[in-house]
Amino acid sequence: MREYHLHSLLQIAAAHPVVLVDRAVPPWAHPYLAGEVTASLSDPGEVTAAVGKFLVDPSVGGLVTYEHRHVRLAAHLAQHLGLPGNSPAAVATCQAPARARHVLREADVPSVRSPNQHGKPKVLTHRYTMVNSR
């Protein structure tokens, strides 16, 4: 996981100063940070309060997450604090495939149809074989 998160953090930090919000900042992240805010990401109220205190600094220009599980929290927090970011409604739509298809269809945006049989979604399976190279 570290390599995946490191790549994302490097991309963001290359363009903007980064202040990381988490209960504990991983040691590998410190060289890429301009600061840190300590808060439990499982407690939206704690995160909102901690980040709100930090935002006395007017140079904060936005809020982003590089972890899928925190996308809703980031959207709500950005909206609450008046920072640019995805709206909670946009995030909810993207995370609900049926809703996303409906919104795209209503906007006349073409999308790929999944193959089906007799009106039921077709389940695609993949088999993986592990081979011992000894």
Protein backbone atom coordinates (compact mmCIF):
# COMPACT_ATOMS: atom_id res chain seq x y z
CA MET A 1 0.00 0.00 0.00
CA ARG A 2 2.84 2.40 0.78
CA GLU A 3 3.99 2.52 -2.86
CA TYR A 4 0.48 3.31 -4.09
CA HIS A 5 -0.04 6.09 -1.55
CA LEU A 6 3.48 7.41 -2.02
CA HIS A 7 2.91 7.83 -5.75
CA SER A 8 -0.34 9.73 -5.12
CA LEU A 9 1.24 11.92 -2.45
CA LEU A 10 4.23 12.68 -4.68
CA GLN A 11 1.94 13.81 -7.50
CA ILE A 12 0.02 16.16 -5.21
CA ALA A 13 3.10 17.45 -3.36
CA ALA A 14 4.88 18.20 -6.64
CA ALA A 15 2.26 20.84 -7.41
CA HIS A 16 1.06 22.04 -4.00
CA PRO A 17 2.17 22.21 -0.38
CA VAL A 18 0.47 19.33 1.44
CA VAL A 19 -0.86 19.23 4.98
CA LEU A 20 -1.80 15.67 5.86
CA VAL A 21 -4.72 14.94 8.18
CA ASP A 22 -4.61 11.59 9.96
CA ARG A 23 -4.39 10.05 13.42
CA ALA A 24 -0.69 9.34 12.82
CA VAL A 25 1.33 10.41 9.81
CA PRO A 26 3.31 7.52 8.33
CA PRO A 27 7.07 8.17 8.61
CA TRP A 28 7.59 7.80 4.84
CA ALA A 29 5.23 10.74 4.21
CA HIS A 30 7.05 13.36 6.32
CA PRO A 31 9.53 14.50 3.62
CA TYR A 32 6.66 15.51 1.33
CA LEU A 33 4.56 17.45 3.82
CA ALA A 34 4.32 21.13 4.64
CA GLY A 35 2.46 20.25 7.84
CA GLU A 36 0.14 17.84 9.58
CA VAL A 37 -3.15 17.87 11.48
CA THR A 38 -3.85 15.09 13.95
CA ALA A 39 -7.39 13.71 13.87
CA SER A 40 -9.12 10.35 13.56
CA LEU A 41 -10.47 10.01 10.03
CA SER A 42 -13.18 7.72 11.36
CA ASP A 43 -14.69 10.65 13.29
CA PRO A 44 -15.98 13.35 10.89
CA GLY A 45 -16.66 15.76 13.77
CA GLU A 46 -13.10 15.47 15.05
CA VAL A 47 -11.69 15.98 11.55
CA THR A 48 -13.91 19.02 10.93
CA ALA A 49 -12.87 20.62 14.24
CA ALA A 50 -9.15 19.89 13.76
CA VAL A 51 -9.04 21.12 10.16
CA GLY A 52 -11.18 24.14 11.05
CA LYS A 53 -8.58 25.21 13.64
CA PHE A 54 -5.82 24.78 11.06
CA LEU A 55 -7.66 26.88 8.47
CA VAL A 56 -6.81 30.11 10.22
CA ASP A 57 -4.04 30.08 7.62
CA PRO A 58 -5.55 31.76 4.52
CA SER A 59 -3.08 30.04 2.18
CA VAL A 60 -5.06 26.78 2.27
CA GLY A 61 -6.52 26.49 -1.21
CA GLY A 62 -8.31 23.16 -1.28
CA LEU A 63 -8.86 19.74 0.14
CA VAL A 64 -8.20 16.38 -1.50
CA THR A 65 -7.87 12.74 -0.52
CA TYR A 66 -5.88 10.02 -2.20
CA GLU A 67 -7.80 7.24 -0.44
CA HIS A 68 -11.11 6.07 -1.87
CA ARG A 69 -12.55 5.32 1.56
CA HIS A 70 -12.28 9.00 2.54
CA VAL A 71 -13.83 10.57 -0.58
CA ARG A 72 -17.20 11.29 1.06
CA LEU A 73 -15.53 12.78 4.15
CA ALA A 74 -13.35 15.01 1.97
CA ALA A 75 -16.36 16.23 -0.03
CA HIS A 76 -18.40 17.04 3.08
CA LEU A 77 -15.43 18.72 4.74
CA ALA A 78 -14.60 20.85 1.70
CA GLN A 79 -18.23 21.96 1.41
CA HIS A 80 -18.50 22.71 5.14
CA LEU A 81 -15.29 24.74 5.14
CA GLY A 82 -16.00 26.55 1.86
CA LEU A 83 -13.03 24.98 0.06
CA PRO A 84 -13.01 23.88 -3.58
CA GLY A 85 -13.68 20.21 -4.16
CA ASN A 86 -16.24 17.70 -5.31
CA SER A 87 -19.72 18.18 -3.89
CA PRO A 88 -21.10 15.47 -1.62
CA ALA A 89 -23.88 14.93 -4.20
CA ALA A 90 -21.35 14.39 -7.02
CA VAL A 91 -19.41 11.90 -4.90
CA ALA A 92 -22.57 10.00 -3.96
CA THR A 93 -23.58 9.84 -7.63
CA CYS A 94 -20.18 8.53 -8.72
CA GLN A 95 -20.21 5.89 -5.99
CA ALA A 96 -23.65 4.58 -7.02
CA PRO A 97 -23.30 3.01 -10.49
CA ALA A 98 -27.05 2.96 -11.22
CA ARG A 99 -27.37 6.62 -10.28
CA ALA A 100 -24.29 7.53 -12.33
CA ARG A 101 -25.72 5.77 -15.39
CA HIS A 102 -29.03 7.61 -14.91
CA VAL A 103 -27.32 11.01 -14.64
CA LEU A 104 -25.18 10.33 -17.72
CA ARG A 105 -28.20 9.12 -19.69
CA GLU A 106 -30.20 12.24 -18.70
CA ALA A 107 -27.30 14.41 -19.91
CA ASP A 108 -27.07 12.49 -23.20
CA VAL A 109 -23.57 11.29 -22.38
CA PRO A 110 -22.96 7.94 -24.07
CA SER A 111 -21.62 5.16 -21.90
CA VAL A 112 -20.70 1.52 -22.32
CA ARG A 113 -23.52 -0.96 -21.87
CA SER A 114 -22.77 -4.13 -19.98
CA PRO A 115 -23.56 -7.39 -21.76
CA ASN A 116 -26.68 -9.13 -20.48
CA GLN A 117 -28.74 -12.20 -21.10
CA HIS A 118 -32.54 -12.17 -20.78
CA GLY A 119 -32.45 -8.78 -19.06
CA LYS A 120 -30.11 -9.97 -16.32
CA PRO A 121 -26.54 -8.74 -15.92
CA LYS A 122 -23.99 -11.20 -17.21
CA VAL A 123 -21.44 -12.17 -14.61
CA LEU A 124 -17.92 -12.34 -15.92
CA THR A 125 -15.49 -14.51 -14.03
CA HIS A 126 -11.75 -14.79 -14.28
CA ARG A 127 -9.71 -17.75 -13.21
CA TYR A 128 -6.17 -17.33 -12.06
CA THR A 129 -3.71 -20.19 -11.87
CA MET A 130 -0.66 -19.99 -9.69
CA VAL A 131 2.34 -21.81 -11.08
CA ASN A 132 5.27 -22.81 -8.96
CA SER A 133 8.44 -22.15 -10.96
CA ARG A 134 10.62 -24.64 -9.07
